């Protein structure tokens, strides 16, 4: 399969990460306002940055290299305020996007690891 630009992996990784989160938060409430709050709690640069740190020990060499490369992607001026957080969140998205495109079994494995790292009910306060 064709290698893509690292930004493309981040783009698809952002989407599949949000779907992964939504698949879990829909079971937390039927109230749409609370559902949105739960979802954005887990889909933001700060949380994703922390999640990448917890996930790092489980990453293979290729994924670690992708994460490193993703941290060097230039950000828009609006995002420069939290550049480090945004870079780490993008790194998570790149790793997920790459595995989603190139190895669905690995993507599912990473999602299972993430699921074990996040206790959805207890993590949201």
N, C-alpha and C. Protein backbone atom coordinates (compact mmCIF):
# COMPACT_ATOMS: atom_id res chain seq x y z
N UNK A 1 0.84 -1.18 0.00
CA UNK A 1 0.00 0.00 0.00
C UNK A 1 0.88 1.24 0.00
N UNK A 2 0.41 2.26 -0.65
CA UNK A 2 1.14 3.51 -0.82
C UNK A 2 1.33 4.25 0.50
N UNK A 3 2.55 4.77 0.69
CA UNK A 3 2.83 5.64 1.84
C UNK A 3 2.17 6.99 1.58
N UNK A 4 1.65 7.58 2.62
CA UNK A 4 1.00 8.89 2.52
C UNK A 4 1.82 9.95 3.24
N UNK A 5 1.49 11.19 2.98
CA UNK A 5 2.07 12.31 3.69
C UNK A 5 1.66 12.19 5.15
N UNK A 6 2.54 12.55 6.05
CA UNK A 6 2.26 12.42 7.48
C UNK A 6 1.02 13.20 7.90
N UNK A 7 0.75 14.32 7.23
CA UNK A 7 -0.45 15.09 7.53
C UNK A 7 -1.72 14.31 7.17
N UNK A 8 -1.62 13.47 6.14
CA UNK A 8 -2.77 12.66 5.76
C UNK A 8 -3.08 11.61 6.84
N UNK A 9 -2.02 11.05 7.41
CA UNK A 9 -2.23 10.10 8.51
C UNK A 9 -2.87 10.80 9.72
N UNK A 10 -2.45 12.02 9.98
CA UNK A 10 -3.04 12.77 11.08
C UNK A 10 -4.52 13.05 10.80
N UNK A 11 -4.83 13.36 9.56
CA UNK A 11 -6.21 13.66 9.18
C UNK A 11 -7.14 12.46 9.42
N UNK A 12 -6.74 11.30 8.94
CA UNK A 12 -7.58 10.12 9.13
C UNK A 12 -7.53 9.65 10.58
N UNK A 13 -6.37 9.81 11.23
CA UNK A 13 -6.23 9.42 12.63
C UNK A 13 -7.13 10.24 13.54
N UNK A 14 -7.28 11.52 13.23
CA UNK A 14 -8.19 12.38 13.99
C UNK A 14 -9.61 11.84 13.90
N UNK A 15 -10.00 11.44 12.71
CA UNK A 15 -11.37 10.95 12.49
C UNK A 15 -11.61 9.61 13.19
N UNK A 16 -10.69 8.67 13.04
CA UNK A 16 -10.93 7.35 13.64
C UNK A 16 -10.83 7.41 15.16
N UNK A 17 -9.99 8.31 15.69
CA UNK A 17 -9.92 8.47 17.14
C UNK A 17 -11.25 9.01 17.66
N UNK A 18 -11.81 10.00 16.98
CA UNK A 18 -13.09 10.54 17.45
C UNK A 18 -14.19 9.50 17.38
N UNK A 19 -14.23 8.70 16.33
CA UNK A 19 -15.23 7.64 16.23
C UNK A 19 -15.03 6.64 17.37
N UNK A 20 -13.78 6.27 17.65
CA UNK A 20 -13.48 5.36 18.75
C UNK A 20 -14.04 5.91 20.07
N UNK A 21 -13.79 7.18 20.32
CA UNK A 21 -14.28 7.81 21.55
C UNK A 21 -15.81 7.83 21.57
N UNK A 22 -16.40 8.23 20.47
CA UNK A 22 -17.87 8.30 20.40
C UNK A 22 -18.51 6.93 20.61
N UNK A 23 -17.85 5.89 20.12
CA UNK A 23 -18.38 4.54 20.33
C UNK A 23 -18.47 4.19 21.82
N UNK A 24 -17.66 4.83 22.62
CA UNK A 24 -17.69 4.60 24.06
C UNK A 24 -18.61 5.59 24.79
N UNK A 25 -18.55 6.84 24.41
CA UNK A 25 -19.33 7.84 25.15
C UNK A 25 -20.83 7.72 24.92
N UNK A 26 -21.26 7.12 23.81
CA UNK A 26 -22.70 6.99 23.59
C UNK A 26 -23.36 6.11 24.63
N UNK A 27 -22.58 5.30 25.33
CA UNK A 27 -23.13 4.44 26.37
C UNK A 27 -23.13 5.12 27.75
N UNK A 28 -22.59 6.33 27.80
CA UNK A 28 -22.50 7.03 29.07
C UNK A 28 -23.75 7.84 29.40
N UNK A 29 -24.48 8.28 28.37
CA UNK A 29 -25.67 9.09 28.59
C UNK A 29 -26.48 9.17 27.31
N UNK A 30 -27.76 9.49 27.47
CA UNK A 30 -28.59 9.75 26.29
C UNK A 30 -28.87 11.25 26.16
N UNK A 31 -28.40 12.03 27.12
CA UNK A 31 -28.54 13.48 27.08
C UNK A 31 -27.50 14.05 26.12
N UNK A 32 -27.94 14.69 25.04
CA UNK A 32 -27.02 15.15 24.01
C UNK A 32 -26.02 16.17 24.51
N UNK A 33 -26.44 17.04 25.40
CA UNK A 33 -25.51 18.04 25.94
C UNK A 33 -24.40 17.37 26.74
N UNK A 34 -24.75 16.42 27.60
CA UNK A 34 -23.74 15.70 28.37
C UNK A 34 -22.88 14.82 27.46
N UNK A 35 -23.51 14.22 26.45
CA UNK A 35 -22.78 13.39 25.51
C UNK A 35 -21.68 14.20 24.82
N UNK A 36 -22.02 15.40 24.42
CA UNK A 36 -21.02 16.28 23.80
C UNK A 36 -19.90 16.61 24.78
N UNK A 37 -20.25 16.91 26.04
CA UNK A 37 -19.24 17.23 27.05
C UNK A 37 -18.32 16.03 27.29
N UNK A 38 -18.89 14.85 27.38
CA UNK A 38 -18.08 13.64 27.57
C UNK A 38 -17.11 13.46 26.41
N UNK A 39 -17.64 13.62 25.19
CA UNK A 39 -16.82 13.40 24.01
C UNK A 39 -15.66 14.39 23.95
N UNK A 40 -15.93 15.68 24.14
CA UNK A 40 -14.85 16.67 24.03
C UNK A 40 -13.86 16.56 25.18
N UNK A 41 -14.27 15.93 26.28
CA UNK A 41 -13.31 15.68 27.36
C UNK A 41 -12.17 14.78 26.89
N UNK A 42 -12.50 13.82 26.03
CA UNK A 42 -11.52 12.85 25.54
C UNK A 42 -10.91 13.24 24.20
N UNK A 43 -11.59 14.11 23.45
CA UNK A 43 -11.10 14.52 22.13
C UNK A 43 -10.64 15.97 22.21
N UNK A 44 -9.47 16.15 22.76
CA UNK A 44 -8.84 17.47 22.83
C UNK A 44 -7.34 17.26 22.98
N UNK A 45 -6.60 18.27 22.63
CA UNK A 45 -5.14 18.14 22.58
C UNK A 45 -4.54 17.74 23.93
N UNK A 46 -5.05 18.29 25.01
CA UNK A 46 -4.50 17.98 26.33
C UNK A 46 -4.65 16.51 26.68
N UNK A 47 -5.87 15.99 26.50
CA UNK A 47 -6.11 14.59 26.83
C UNK A 47 -5.33 13.68 25.90
N UNK A 48 -5.34 14.01 24.61
CA UNK A 48 -4.64 13.18 23.63
C UNK A 48 -3.13 13.18 23.88
N UNK A 49 -2.60 14.30 24.32
CA UNK A 49 -1.18 14.39 24.65
C UNK A 49 -0.84 13.45 25.81
N UNK A 50 -1.66 13.47 26.85
CA UNK A 50 -1.47 12.57 28.00
C UNK A 50 -1.61 11.11 27.57
N UNK A 51 -2.57 10.86 26.70
CA UNK A 51 -2.81 9.50 26.22
C UNK A 51 -1.60 8.99 25.44
N UNK A 52 -1.01 9.84 24.62
CA UNK A 52 0.18 9.43 23.87
C UNK A 52 1.30 9.02 24.83
N UNK A 53 1.48 9.77 25.89
CA UNK A 53 2.53 9.43 26.87
C UNK A 53 2.28 8.06 27.49
N UNK A 54 1.02 7.76 27.80
CA UNK A 54 0.68 6.46 28.38
C UNK A 54 0.82 5.33 27.36
N UNK A 55 0.56 5.64 26.10
CA UNK A 55 0.58 4.64 25.03
C UNK A 55 2.00 4.35 24.53
N UNK A 56 2.91 5.30 24.71
CA UNK A 56 4.27 5.19 24.15
C UNK A 56 4.97 3.86 24.46
N UNK A 57 4.90 3.32 25.67
CA UNK A 57 5.59 2.05 25.93
C UNK A 57 5.08 0.88 25.08
N UNK A 58 3.90 1.01 24.52
CA UNK A 58 3.30 -0.06 23.73
C UNK A 58 3.57 0.09 22.23
N UNK A 59 4.21 1.19 21.84
CA UNK A 59 4.44 1.45 20.42
C UNK A 59 5.68 0.74 19.91
N UNK A 60 5.62 0.30 18.66
CA UNK A 60 6.78 -0.33 18.04
C UNK A 60 7.69 0.76 17.44
N UNK A 61 8.82 0.34 16.87
CA UNK A 61 9.79 1.31 16.36
C UNK A 61 9.21 2.20 15.27
N UNK A 62 8.45 1.62 14.35
CA UNK A 62 7.85 2.40 13.25
C UNK A 62 6.89 3.44 13.82
N UNK A 63 6.08 3.06 14.78
CA UNK A 63 5.12 3.98 15.38
C UNK A 63 5.82 5.09 16.17
N UNK A 64 6.88 4.75 16.85
CA UNK A 64 7.66 5.76 17.57
C UNK A 64 8.28 6.76 16.60
N UNK A 65 8.77 6.26 15.47
CA UNK A 65 9.35 7.14 14.45
C UNK A 65 8.27 8.05 13.85
N UNK A 66 7.09 7.51 13.58
CA UNK A 66 5.99 8.33 13.07
C UNK A 66 5.60 9.41 14.07
N UNK A 67 5.53 9.04 15.34
CA UNK A 67 5.18 10.01 16.39
C UNK A 67 6.23 11.12 16.46
N UNK A 68 7.49 10.74 16.35
CA UNK A 68 8.57 11.74 16.37
C UNK A 68 8.44 12.68 15.17
N UNK A 69 8.23 12.12 14.00
CA UNK A 69 8.08 12.95 12.79
C UNK A 69 6.85 13.85 12.89
N UNK A 70 5.79 13.35 13.49
CA UNK A 70 4.56 14.14 13.60
C UNK A 70 4.75 15.36 14.50
N UNK A 71 5.61 15.24 15.49
CA UNK A 71 5.85 16.38 16.39
C UNK A 71 6.49 17.56 15.65
N UNK A 72 7.06 17.29 14.49
CA UNK A 72 7.71 18.35 13.72
C UNK A 72 6.82 18.97 12.65
N UNK A 73 5.56 18.55 12.58
CA UNK A 73 4.64 19.14 11.60
C UNK A 73 4.37 20.59 12.03
N UNK A 74 4.53 21.54 11.12
CA UNK A 74 4.21 22.93 11.47
C UNK A 74 2.73 23.09 11.82
N UNK A 75 2.45 23.93 12.80
CA UNK A 75 1.07 24.16 13.20
C UNK A 75 0.63 25.55 12.74
N UNK A 76 -0.67 25.70 12.65
CA UNK A 76 -1.20 27.01 12.27
C UNK A 76 -0.96 27.99 13.42
N UNK A 77 -1.02 29.27 13.12
CA UNK A 77 -0.76 30.29 14.16
C UNK A 77 -1.76 30.19 15.30
N UNK A 78 -2.99 29.78 15.01
CA UNK A 78 -4.01 29.67 16.06
C UNK A 78 -3.65 28.57 17.06
N UNK A 79 -2.89 27.59 16.65
CA UNK A 79 -2.56 26.47 17.52
C UNK A 79 -1.23 26.66 18.24
N UNK A 80 -0.48 27.68 17.90
CA UNK A 80 0.86 27.84 18.48
C UNK A 80 0.83 28.12 19.97
N UNK A 81 -0.31 28.53 20.49
CA UNK A 81 -0.40 28.82 21.92
C UNK A 81 -0.05 27.57 22.73
N UNK A 82 -0.57 26.42 22.30
CA UNK A 82 -0.29 25.15 22.96
C UNK A 82 0.43 24.21 21.99
N UNK A 83 1.50 24.69 21.41
CA UNK A 83 2.19 23.94 20.36
C UNK A 83 2.61 22.55 20.81
N UNK A 84 3.16 22.42 21.99
CA UNK A 84 3.61 21.12 22.47
C UNK A 84 2.45 20.14 22.62
N UNK A 85 1.35 20.60 23.22
CA UNK A 85 0.18 19.73 23.36
C UNK A 85 -0.37 19.34 22.00
N UNK A 86 -0.47 20.31 21.12
CA UNK A 86 -1.00 20.05 19.79
C UNK A 86 -0.10 19.07 19.04
N UNK A 87 1.20 19.20 19.17
CA UNK A 87 2.15 18.30 18.51
C UNK A 87 2.01 16.87 19.00
N UNK A 88 1.86 16.70 20.31
CA UNK A 88 1.70 15.36 20.86
C UNK A 88 0.36 14.75 20.45
N UNK A 89 -0.69 15.56 20.44
CA UNK A 89 -2.01 15.07 20.00
C UNK A 89 -1.95 14.65 18.54
N UNK A 90 -1.27 15.44 17.73
CA UNK A 90 -1.10 15.10 16.32
C UNK A 90 -0.31 13.81 16.17
N UNK A 91 0.68 13.61 17.02
CA UNK A 91 1.47 12.38 16.98
C UNK A 91 0.59 11.16 17.23
N UNK A 92 -0.30 11.26 18.20
CA UNK A 92 -1.24 10.17 18.47
C UNK A 92 -2.10 9.90 17.24
N UNK A 93 -2.60 10.96 16.64
CA UNK A 93 -3.46 10.83 15.46
C UNK A 93 -2.70 10.19 14.30
N UNK A 94 -1.44 10.55 14.13
CA UNK A 94 -0.63 9.97 13.05
C UNK A 94 -0.45 8.47 13.27
N UNK A 95 -0.12 8.09 14.49
CA UNK A 95 0.07 6.66 14.79
C UNK A 95 -1.22 5.88 14.52
N UNK A 96 -2.34 6.42 14.98
CA UNK A 96 -3.62 5.74 14.75
C UNK A 96 -3.98 5.73 13.27
N UNK A 97 -3.76 6.84 12.60
CA UNK A 97 -4.07 6.92 11.17
C UNK A 97 -3.23 5.96 10.35
N UNK A 98 -1.95 5.88 10.66
CA UNK A 98 -1.06 4.97 9.94
C UNK A 98 -1.51 3.52 10.13
N UNK A 99 -1.78 3.13 11.36
CA UNK A 99 -2.18 1.74 11.61
C UNK A 99 -3.55 1.46 11.00
N UNK A 100 -4.44 2.44 11.02
CA UNK A 100 -5.76 2.25 10.41
C UNK A 100 -5.64 1.99 8.91
N UNK A 101 -4.76 2.71 8.25
CA UNK A 101 -4.58 2.55 6.80
C UNK A 101 -3.79 1.29 6.46
N UNK A 102 -2.73 1.00 7.20
CA UNK A 102 -1.80 -0.04 6.80
C UNK A 102 -1.94 -1.38 7.53
N UNK A 103 -2.56 -1.38 8.71
CA UNK A 103 -2.62 -2.62 9.47
C UNK A 103 -3.80 -2.56 10.45
N UNK A 104 -4.97 -2.96 9.98
CA UNK A 104 -6.19 -2.87 10.81
C UNK A 104 -6.06 -3.71 12.09
N UNK A 105 -5.35 -4.84 12.02
CA UNK A 105 -5.16 -5.63 13.24
C UNK A 105 -4.39 -4.84 14.28
N UNK A 106 -3.35 -4.14 13.85
CA UNK A 106 -2.58 -3.31 14.78
C UNK A 106 -3.42 -2.15 15.28
N UNK A 107 -4.21 -1.56 14.39
CA UNK A 107 -5.11 -0.48 14.80
C UNK A 107 -6.04 -0.97 15.92
N UNK A 108 -6.64 -2.14 15.72
CA UNK A 108 -7.54 -2.69 16.74
C UNK A 108 -6.79 -2.99 18.03
N UNK A 109 -5.56 -3.46 17.92
CA UNK A 109 -4.73 -3.71 19.10
C UNK A 109 -4.47 -2.41 19.85
N UNK A 110 -4.12 -1.35 19.12
CA UNK A 110 -3.89 -0.05 19.76
C UNK A 110 -5.18 0.46 20.43
N UNK A 111 -6.31 0.27 19.77
CA UNK A 111 -7.59 0.70 20.37
C UNK A 111 -7.88 -0.07 21.65
N UNK A 112 -7.56 -1.36 21.66
CA UNK A 112 -7.75 -2.15 22.88
C UNK A 112 -6.83 -1.66 24.00
N UNK A 113 -5.61 -1.31 23.65
CA UNK A 113 -4.68 -0.77 24.65
C UNK A 113 -5.22 0.56 25.18
N UNK A 114 -5.65 1.43 24.27
CA UNK A 114 -6.20 2.72 24.67
C UNK A 114 -7.41 2.50 25.57
N UNK A 115 -8.25 1.56 25.21
CA UNK A 115 -9.43 1.27 26.01
C UNK A 115 -9.04 0.85 27.43
N UNK A 116 -7.94 0.11 27.55
CA UNK A 116 -7.49 -0.31 28.89
C UNK A 116 -6.87 0.86 29.66
N UNK A 117 -6.35 1.86 28.93
CA UNK A 117 -5.74 3.02 29.58
C UNK A 117 -6.77 4.05 30.02
N UNK A 118 -7.93 4.05 29.35
CA UNK A 118 -8.99 5.01 29.66
C UNK A 118 -10.12 4.27 30.37
N UNK A 119 -10.43 4.69 31.57
CA UNK A 119 -11.64 4.21 32.22
C UNK A 119 -12.66 5.31 31.99
N UNK A 120 -13.54 5.11 31.02
CA UNK A 120 -14.42 6.18 30.58
C UNK A 120 -15.29 6.74 31.70
N UNK A 121 -15.86 5.89 32.50
CA UNK A 121 -16.75 6.37 33.56
C UNK A 121 -15.98 7.12 34.64
N UNK A 122 -14.83 6.59 35.04
CA UNK A 122 -14.07 7.21 36.13
C UNK A 122 -13.18 8.35 35.65
N UNK A 123 -12.80 8.34 34.38
CA UNK A 123 -11.89 9.35 33.87
C UNK A 123 -12.59 10.67 33.63
N UNK A 124 -13.89 10.63 33.42
CA UNK A 124 -14.60 11.88 33.22
C UNK A 124 -15.19 12.33 34.53
N UNK A 125 -14.82 13.53 34.96
CA UNK A 125 -15.34 14.06 36.24
C UNK A 125 -15.88 15.44 36.03
